[in-house]
Protein backbone atom coordinates (compact mmCIF):
# COMPACT_ATOMS: atom_id res chain seq x y z
CA MET A 1 42.98 -84.18 12.83
CA THR A 2 43.99 -82.03 15.78
CA PHE A 3 43.35 -78.31 15.97
CA SER A 4 46.48 -76.29 15.05
CA LEU A 5 47.04 -72.65 15.93
CA SER A 6 49.86 -72.45 13.38
CA ARG A 7 47.58 -73.45 10.49
CA MET A 8 44.96 -70.98 11.66
CA TRP A 9 47.54 -68.21 11.91
CA ALA A 10 48.79 -69.01 8.40
CA LEU A 11 45.32 -68.23 7.10
CA VAL A 12 45.21 -65.01 9.10
CA GLU A 13 48.63 -63.97 7.81
CA ARG A 14 47.69 -64.70 4.20
CA ASP A 15 44.49 -62.66 4.42
CA LEU A 16 46.25 -59.71 6.10
CA ARG A 17 48.98 -59.69 3.46
CA LYS A 18 46.33 -59.60 0.75
CA PHE A 19 44.66 -56.69 2.52
CA PHE A 20 47.85 -54.66 2.97
CA ARG A 21 48.85 -55.27 -0.65
CA SER A 22 45.66 -53.52 -1.83
CA PRO A 23 46.01 -49.77 -1.20
CA ALA A 24 42.63 -49.08 -2.78
CA LEU A 25 40.92 -51.49 -0.40
CA MET A 26 42.73 -49.99 2.59
CA MET A 27 41.76 -46.50 1.46
CA SER A 28 38.10 -47.41 1.06
CA SER A 29 37.89 -49.10 4.44
CA MET A 30 39.73 -46.47 6.51
CA VAL A 31 39.84 -43.08 4.80
CA PHE A 32 36.57 -42.99 2.89
CA PRO A 33 34.35 -43.41 5.96
CA MET A 34 35.96 -40.27 7.41
CA MET A 35 35.19 -38.46 4.15
CA GLN A 36 31.62 -39.71 4.44
CA LEU A 37 31.37 -38.27 7.94
CA ILE A 38 32.63 -34.88 6.76
CA VAL A 39 30.31 -34.72 3.75
CA LEU A 40 27.20 -35.72 5.68
CA GLY A 41 28.11 -33.41 8.53
CA TYR A 42 28.25 -30.36 6.29
CA ALA A 43 25.57 -31.29 3.73
CA PHE A 44 22.57 -30.68 6.00
CA GLY A 45 21.20 -27.68 7.86
CA GLY A 46 23.67 -25.08 6.66
CA LYS A 47 22.70 -21.42 6.37
CA ILE A 48 21.28 -20.59 2.94
CA THR A 49 23.56 -18.13 1.14
CA ASN A 50 24.16 -16.60 -2.30
CA VAL A 51 20.73 -17.24 -3.77
CA LYS A 52 20.19 -15.19 -6.92
CA VAL A 53 17.15 -12.93 -6.54
CA GLY A 54 15.88 -10.89 -9.48
CA VAL A 55 14.85 -7.28 -8.77
CA VAL A 56 12.38 -5.59 -11.12
CA ASP A 57 12.01 -1.86 -10.48
CA GLN A 58 8.92 -0.66 -12.36
CA ASP A 59 8.71 2.63 -10.43
CA HIS A 60 12.19 4.12 -11.04
CA THR A 61 11.91 6.74 -8.28
CA GLU A 62 13.93 7.71 -5.24
CA GLU A 63 11.64 5.62 -3.02
CA SER A 64 12.12 2.49 -5.14
CA TRP A 65 15.86 3.18 -5.19
CA GLN A 66 15.81 3.12 -1.36
CA VAL A 67 14.24 -0.35 -1.48
CA ARG A 68 16.95 -1.55 -3.85
CA GLU A 69 19.59 0.00 -1.60
CA ALA A 70 18.17 -1.90 1.37
CA LEU A 71 18.36 -5.13 -0.63
CA ALA A 72 21.95 -4.33 -1.58
CA GLY A 73 22.73 -3.90 2.11
CA VAL A 74 21.67 -7.49 2.70
CA THR A 75 23.85 -8.78 -0.12
CA THR A 76 26.92 -7.09 1.33
CA GLY A 77 26.18 -8.36 4.84
CA PRO A 78 25.15 -11.97 5.51
CA LYS A 79 25.00 -12.58 1.72
CA MET A 80 21.88 -14.72 1.87
CA PHE A 81 21.05 -13.60 -1.66
CA GLN A 82 22.55 -11.80 -4.61
CA ALA A 83 20.37 -9.12 -6.22
CA VAL A 84 20.22 -9.30 -10.01
CA ASP A 85 18.56 -6.39 -11.84
CA TYR A 86 16.00 -7.15 -14.56
CA ASN A 87 14.45 -4.67 -16.97
CA SER A 88 11.16 -6.52 -17.41
CA MET A 89 8.98 -8.79 -15.35
CA PRO A 90 8.52 -11.43 -18.09
CA ASP A 91 12.30 -11.92 -18.36
CA ALA A 92 12.61 -12.33 -14.60
CA MET A 93 9.72 -14.80 -14.47
CA ASP A 94 11.20 -16.86 -17.31
CA ASP A 95 14.47 -17.21 -15.38
CA LEU A 96 12.56 -17.99 -12.20
CA ARG A 97 10.60 -20.80 -13.86
CA SER A 98 13.76 -22.27 -15.41
CA GLY A 99 15.61 -22.29 -12.09
CA VAL A 100 18.19 -19.62 -12.96
CA ILE A 101 17.11 -17.45 -9.99
CA GLY A 102 15.36 -18.36 -6.76
CA ALA A 103 12.95 -15.45 -6.39
CA VAL A 104 11.84 -12.10 -7.86
CA VAL A 105 11.32 -8.85 -5.96
CA ASP A 106 8.78 -6.70 -7.80
CA ILE A 107 8.60 -2.95 -7.05
CA PRO A 108 5.35 -1.86 -8.78
CA GLU A 109 4.81 1.33 -10.79
CA LYS A 110 2.78 3.28 -8.21
CA PHE A 111 5.02 2.40 -5.29
CA SER A 112 6.22 5.99 -4.64
CA ARG A 113 2.76 7.47 -5.19
CA ARG A 114 1.25 5.18 -2.58
CA ALA A 115 4.15 5.94 -0.25
CA TYR A 116 3.51 9.69 -0.47
CA ALA A 117 -0.23 9.10 0.01
CA GLN A 118 0.50 6.88 3.03
CA ASP A 119 -1.59 4.20 1.33
CA GLN A 120 0.56 1.25 2.46
CA PRO A 121 2.90 0.83 -0.54
CA ARG A 122 3.56 -2.79 -1.43
CA ILE A 123 6.38 -4.80 -2.88
CA ALA A 124 6.01 -8.41 -3.97
CA LEU A 125 8.32 -11.35 -3.34
CA ILE A 126 7.67 -14.08 -5.90
CA VAL A 127 9.41 -17.28 -4.77
CA ASP A 128 10.23 -20.58 -6.41
CA ASN A 129 8.62 -22.81 -3.79
CA THR A 130 9.84 -26.06 -5.33
CA ASP A 131 12.61 -25.79 -2.71
CA GLN A 132 10.96 -25.03 0.62
CA PHE A 133 14.31 -24.59 2.37
CA VAL A 134 15.35 -21.73 0.09
CA SER A 135 11.94 -20.10 -0.25
CA SER A 136 11.26 -20.01 3.50
CA SER A 137 14.71 -18.52 4.16
CA LEU A 138 14.19 -15.83 1.53
CA GLU A 139 10.73 -14.99 2.85
CA SER A 140 12.10 -14.56 6.38
CA GLU A 141 15.05 -12.45 5.22
CA LEU A 142 13.00 -10.16 2.97
CA GLN A 143 10.43 -9.67 5.72
CA SER A 144 13.25 -8.62 8.04
CA VAL A 145 14.44 -6.09 5.45
CA VAL A 146 10.95 -4.63 5.12
CA ASP A 147 10.48 -4.51 8.89
CA GLN A 148 13.77 -2.64 9.24
CA MET A 149 12.72 -0.14 6.58
CA ASN A 150 9.43 0.42 8.38
CA THR A 151 11.26 0.90 11.67
CA ASN A 152 13.39 3.57 10.04
CA LEU A 153 10.23 5.16 8.65
CA ILE A 154 8.64 5.35 12.10
CA SER A 155 11.81 6.94 13.48
CA GLU A 156 11.83 9.56 10.71
CA LEU A 157 8.18 10.43 11.32
CA ASP A 158 8.85 10.67 15.08
CA VAL A 159 5.45 9.24 16.01
CA GLY A 160 6.59 7.80 19.33
CA PRO A 161 6.68 4.15 20.40
CA VAL A 162 4.51 1.81 18.36
CA SER A 163 2.83 0.65 21.58
CA GLN A 164 1.33 4.16 22.04
CA LEU A 165 -0.46 4.09 18.67
CA ASN A 166 -4.24 3.66 18.65
CA THR A 167 -4.35 0.18 17.14
CA THR A 168 -6.08 -3.16 17.44
CA GLY A 169 -5.21 -6.62 16.17
CA PRO A 170 -1.80 -8.25 15.56
CA LEU A 171 -0.97 -6.19 12.45
CA ALA A 172 -2.68 -2.96 13.41
CA SER A 173 0.54 -1.38 14.62
CA ARG A 174 1.47 -0.75 11.00
CA LEU A 175 1.25 2.86 9.90
CA PRO A 176 -0.86 3.59 6.79
CA GLY A 177 2.30 4.49 4.89
CA GLU A 178 4.37 1.48 5.92
CA ILE A 179 5.66 -0.89 3.28
CA ALA A 180 3.87 -4.23 3.02
CA LEU A 181 5.49 -7.39 1.65
CA ASN A 182 3.25 -9.63 -0.44
CA ILE A 183 4.58 -13.17 -0.83
CA VAL A 184 3.56 -15.06 -3.96
CA GLU A 185 4.41 -18.73 -4.51
CA VAL A 186 4.76 -19.65 -8.18
CA TYR A 187 3.71 -23.28 -7.84
CA PRO A 188 1.13 -25.16 -5.79
CA TYR A 189 2.38 -26.66 -2.54
CA ILE A 190 5.31 -29.04 -3.21
CA GLU A 191 5.36 -32.10 -0.95
CA TYR A 192 8.79 -33.32 0.10
CA ILE A 193 8.27 -36.61 -1.77
CA LYS A 194 8.14 -34.60 -5.00
CA TYR A 195 11.31 -32.77 -3.99
CA LEU A 196 13.06 -36.14 -3.46
CA LEU A 197 11.90 -37.73 -6.73
CA PRO A 198 14.67 -36.30 -8.99
CA GLY A 199 17.32 -37.58 -6.59
CA SER A 200 15.70 -41.03 -6.52
CA ILE A 201 15.75 -41.20 -10.33
CA ALA A 202 19.44 -40.23 -10.35
CA MET A 203 20.10 -42.87 -7.68
CA ALA A 204 18.45 -45.59 -9.80
CA ILE A 205 20.66 -44.66 -12.75
CA PHE A 206 23.76 -44.68 -10.58
CA ILE A 207 22.98 -48.09 -9.08
CA VAL A 208 22.82 -49.55 -12.59
CA ALA A 209 26.13 -47.84 -13.36
CA MET A 210 27.71 -49.21 -10.19
CA ILE A 211 26.67 -52.75 -11.05
CA GLY A 212 27.38 -52.65 -14.78
CA GLY A 213 30.41 -50.38 -14.74
CA GLY A 214 31.84 -51.69 -11.50
CA ILE A 215 31.05 -55.18 -10.20
CA THR A 216 30.17 -56.79 -13.54
CA PHE A 217 33.02 -55.02 -15.34
CA ILE A 218 35.65 -56.15 -12.82
CA ASP A 219 34.28 -59.70 -12.66
CA ASP A 220 34.29 -60.04 -16.45
CA LYS A 221 37.80 -58.63 -16.64
CA SER A 222 39.06 -61.00 -13.95
CA ARG A 223 37.63 -63.96 -15.89
CA GLY A 224 39.40 -62.80 -19.05
CA LEU A 225 36.26 -62.04 -21.05
CA HIS A 226 37.60 -58.69 -22.22
CA GLU A 227 40.80 -60.32 -23.42
CA GLY A 228 38.62 -62.72 -25.35
CA TYR A 229 37.07 -59.75 -27.10
CA LEU A 230 40.48 -58.29 -27.89
CA VAL A 231 41.74 -61.40 -29.73
CA THR A 232 39.03 -60.64 -32.27
CA PRO A 233 39.28 -57.68 -34.72
CA ILE A 234 37.47 -55.44 -32.21
CA HIS A 235 39.38 -52.36 -31.06
CA LYS A 236 39.54 -51.40 -27.39
CA ALA A 237 37.72 -48.15 -28.18
CA GLU A 238 34.85 -50.17 -29.64
CA LEU A 239 34.85 -52.36 -26.54
CA VAL A 240 34.71 -49.45 -24.12
CA MET A 241 32.09 -47.55 -26.09
CA GLY A 242 30.00 -50.69 -26.57
CA LEU A 243 30.02 -51.44 -22.85
CA ASP A 244 29.21 -47.82 -22.07
CA LEU A 245 26.30 -47.83 -24.49
CA ALA A 246 24.93 -51.08 -23.06
CA GLY A 247 25.14 -49.66 -19.55
CA ALA A 248 23.49 -46.41 -20.69
CA ILE A 249 20.55 -48.32 -22.17
CA LYS A 250 20.07 -50.23 -18.92
CA GLY A 251 20.32 -46.98 -16.96
CA LEU A 252 17.75 -45.37 -19.27
CA MET A 253 15.30 -48.20 -18.65
CA ALA A 254 15.79 -48.07 -14.87
CA GLY A 255 15.54 -44.28 -14.75
CA LEU A 256 12.34 -44.15 -16.79
CA VAL A 257 10.69 -46.85 -14.68
CA ILE A 258 11.43 -44.92 -11.48
CA THR A 259 10.33 -41.69 -13.18
CA PHE A 260 6.91 -43.04 -14.12
CA ILE A 261 6.21 -45.07 -10.97
CA GLY A 262 7.67 -42.42 -8.65
CA GLY A 263 5.84 -39.68 -10.54
CA LEU A 264 2.52 -41.46 -10.06
CA ILE A 265 3.19 -42.06 -6.36
CA ALA A 266 4.29 -38.46 -5.77
CA GLY A 267 1.41 -37.05 -7.82
CA ILE A 268 3.42 -35.16 -10.46
CA PRO A 269 0.91 -33.27 -12.65
CA ARG A 270 0.93 -33.67 -16.46
CA LEU A 271 3.39 -36.55 -16.24
CA TRP A 272 2.32 -37.95 -19.62
CA ASP A 273 2.66 -34.72 -21.54
CA PRO A 274 4.40 -35.75 -24.82
CA ALA A 275 6.91 -32.90 -24.85
CA ARG A 276 7.84 -33.51 -21.22
CA LEU A 277 8.29 -37.25 -21.89
CA ILE A 278 10.75 -36.49 -24.68
CA TYR A 279 12.74 -34.11 -22.47
CA LEU A 280 12.75 -36.65 -19.63
CA MET A 281 14.08 -39.35 -21.95
CA VAL A 282 16.85 -37.04 -23.15
CA VAL A 283 17.93 -36.13 -19.61
CA VAL A 284 17.81 -39.71 -18.32
CA ALA A 285 19.68 -41.02 -21.38
CA VAL A 286 22.50 -38.47 -21.15
CA ALA A 287 22.74 -38.91 -17.36
CA SER A 288 22.94 -42.69 -17.81
CA LEU A 289 25.76 -42.39 -20.34
CA CYS A 290 27.60 -39.94 -18.07
CA MET A 291 27.35 -42.11 -14.95
CA ILE A 292 28.26 -45.40 -16.63
CA SER A 293 31.29 -43.80 -18.30
CA PHE A 294 32.25 -42.29 -14.93
CA MET A 295 32.21 -45.74 -13.30
CA PHE A 296 34.23 -47.25 -16.17
CA LEU A 297 36.85 -44.54 -15.79
CA LEU A 298 37.15 -45.26 -12.06
CA MET A 299 37.39 -49.02 -12.55
CA VAL A 300 39.37 -49.24 -15.79
CA ARG A 301 42.69 -49.99 -14.01
CA ILE A 302 41.28 -51.87 -11.00
CA ASP A 303 41.55 -55.68 -10.96
CA ASP A 304 40.62 -56.60 -7.37
CA PRO A 305 36.91 -57.62 -7.27
CA LEU A 306 36.70 -56.48 -3.64
CA VAL A 307 37.47 -52.84 -4.43
CA PRO A 308 34.22 -51.85 -6.18
CA ARG A 309 32.14 -53.60 -3.54
CA ALA A 310 34.05 -51.78 -0.80
CA ILE A 311 33.85 -48.26 -2.20
CA PHE A 312 30.33 -48.16 -3.64
CA GLY A 313 28.59 -47.21 -0.42
CA VAL A 314 30.94 -44.33 0.30
CA LEU A 315 31.11 -43.30 -3.37
CA ASN A 316 27.34 -43.13 -3.40
CA THR A 317 27.42 -40.82 -0.38
CA LEU A 318 30.11 -38.59 -1.85
CA LEU A 319 28.11 -38.08 -5.04
CA PHE A 320 24.48 -38.20 -3.91
CA PHE A 321 24.39 -35.83 -0.94
CA PRO A 322 26.49 -32.97 -2.43
CA SER A 323 24.17 -32.90 -5.47
CA GLY A 324 21.36 -31.03 -3.70
CA ALA A 325 19.02 -34.02 -3.92
CA ILE A 326 18.22 -33.84 -0.18
CA TYR A 327 19.21 -30.31 0.87
CA PRO A 328 19.91 -27.28 -1.36
CA THR A 329 23.49 -26.58 -2.36
CA TYR A 330 22.96 -22.96 -1.20
CA GLY A 331 23.43 -24.28 2.34
CA PHE A 332 26.80 -25.94 1.65
CA PRO A 333 30.18 -24.56 2.71
CA PHE A 334 32.42 -23.29 -0.08
CA TRP A 335 34.49 -26.48 -0.48
CA LEU A 336 31.40 -28.71 -0.64
CA ARG A 337 29.89 -26.52 -3.35
CA TRP A 338 32.95 -27.23 -5.47
CA ILE A 339 32.28 -30.96 -5.11
CA SER A 340 28.74 -30.36 -6.36
CA VAL A 341 30.14 -28.48 -9.37
CA VAL A 342 32.06 -31.57 -10.60
CA ASP A 343 29.36 -34.03 -9.52
CA PRO A 344 27.22 -35.43 -12.40
CA PHE A 345 24.43 -36.06 -9.88
CA THR A 346 24.04 -32.28 -9.47
CA TYR A 347 23.16 -31.63 -13.10
CA THR A 348 20.91 -34.69 -13.31
CA VAL A 349 18.93 -33.57 -10.26
CA GLN A 350 18.71 -29.97 -11.52
CA ALA A 351 17.41 -30.96 -14.94
CA LEU A 352 14.88 -33.46 -13.56
CA ARG A 353 13.68 -30.96 -10.96
CA ASN A 354 13.16 -28.33 -13.65
CA LEU A 355 11.09 -30.76 -15.71
CA LEU A 356 9.09 -32.48 -12.98
CA LEU A 357 8.53 -29.68 -10.46
CA ARG A 358 8.86 -26.42 -12.41
CA GLY A 359 7.36 -27.70 -15.64
CA SER A 360 10.05 -25.98 -17.71
CA GLY A 361 11.00 -26.99 -21.24
CA ILE A 362 14.27 -27.04 -23.14
CA GLU A 363 15.30 -23.72 -21.58
CA GLY A 364 15.45 -25.41 -18.17
CA ILE A 365 17.56 -28.42 -19.13
CA TYR A 366 19.86 -27.57 -22.03
CA ARG A 367 22.73 -26.34 -19.81
CA ASP A 368 22.64 -29.47 -17.65
CA VAL A 369 22.36 -31.77 -20.69
CA LEU A 370 25.37 -30.12 -22.34
CA ILE A 371 27.45 -30.43 -19.16
CA LEU A 372 26.50 -34.10 -18.69
CA GLY A 373 27.30 -34.79 -22.33
CA GLY A 374 30.66 -33.07 -21.98
CA PHE A 375 31.45 -35.09 -18.85
CA ALA A 376 30.57 -38.31 -20.68
CA ALA A 377 32.79 -37.49 -23.68
CA VAL A 378 35.79 -36.71 -21.47
CA MET A 379 35.35 -39.82 -19.34
CA ILE A 380 34.88 -42.13 -22.33
CA ALA A 381 38.08 -40.75 -23.85
CA GLY A 382 39.88 -41.28 -20.54
CA SER A 383 38.61 -44.86 -20.28
CA ILE A 384 39.84 -45.67 -23.78
CA ALA A 385 43.26 -44.18 -23.05
CA LEU A 386 43.67 -46.08 -19.77
CA PHE A 387 42.21 -49.42 -20.82
CA LYS A 388 44.84 -52.21 -20.64
CA ARG A 389 45.07 -54.97 -23.24
CA GLN A 390 46.46 -57.46 -20.74
CA ILE A 391 44.92 -59.13 -17.71
C-alpha cells in the first residue's frame, strides 16, 4: 500500500473538527493556562496587608492613648494591619490561638508610670508565628512604629543628635525613657514543612475528588453505567448522593492517611490526642464531601472524556494556590482574595492549620466546617438539578 497524503490529511481534518467542536476543551487548552499564569504571578510575594491585630490597653492613660493613636496611623496609611480593641487579654489570646487575629499588642498597666520615670516603658507584640510571612512583617512594621515614636520623643526632649549621646553598644543609643518593643511568639518555631502540611492534606482529598468525581464519573457515564442505574427504581438524587458519599469516604481515607504520615514526618506534637483526632476526622470528612460534590457539579453536564483530563491541572492551580496553602492570603491583591473566599480549599487549609499548628479545638474550626458543609449542600442540590437522564 502506497503512502497517501490525502488519507493522512483526512485524519488530521477529523481530529481538528473534533477539537473545534469542543468549546470546553479549547477553553482549557488556551484560556486556562493564561489564568494559571495570572494566579501564580499574583499569589506569591505580595505585600502583607489588612491583618487583624488585637490591641489591649491595660493602662488607660494619655500615654497609652498615644500608642494606640500611632497604631491607628499605620492602619490609615499602608494598611498592613487593622487594629481591633479588646477589653481583656484572655479574650484577645483566645482569638489569637483560634486564628481570628494575627497578633496582639499589649500595653501594660504601668506603662505611663514607667514613661514618666524614664524607666524604659515596654509594650508587647504577641504574634501567631504559625505563619512566618505574616509574623515577620508585623514585627518589622510594629518596630518601625515604635522607632518613630522614640524619634519623636527625642525631638521633644531636644537632647541633640543621638550620635552625641554618651553610649556604648548597638542598643545603647536608646534613652532611659524610650519605648521598648518586646516580641513574644506564641508557639515554638514552626518549620515550613509543618506550614505546608494542611495544604498537602487538602491536595490529597482533591486528587481523590478529581479522579472519582471527574475521570471515573465521565468514563462511567460514557459507557452508560449511570443509565443502567436509572432503569432501576433508583432516583437520580439517590444516584448523585450515593456517588458523592462514596467519593467522600475515599477522600476521608486519603486525607487521614496523609494527615498521620505527614504529621509524623513533620513532627506535629500531640498528633494522637483523642479530641484532636475527632476534630481532624470531622474536618477531613466535610472537606471530602465538599470537594467531591464540587467536582460532580462541574462535570455533571460534560460528556467528553478529554475535558476532565485537560482541565484538572489548571483547576488544581486555580484552587490550591489562592487558598493560602503556600503563601498567606493577606499578600493577595483584592480580586485574588475574592477567589479565596469562594474556594473550598481555603476553609479546609484554615481548619487543618488551626488544629495541627495552633492546637485549637472546636472554636478554631466550627466556622470553616459550617462553610464547607454549606458549600456541599448547595453543590449537591445543583448536581441533582442538572443531572441528565439520557446519555
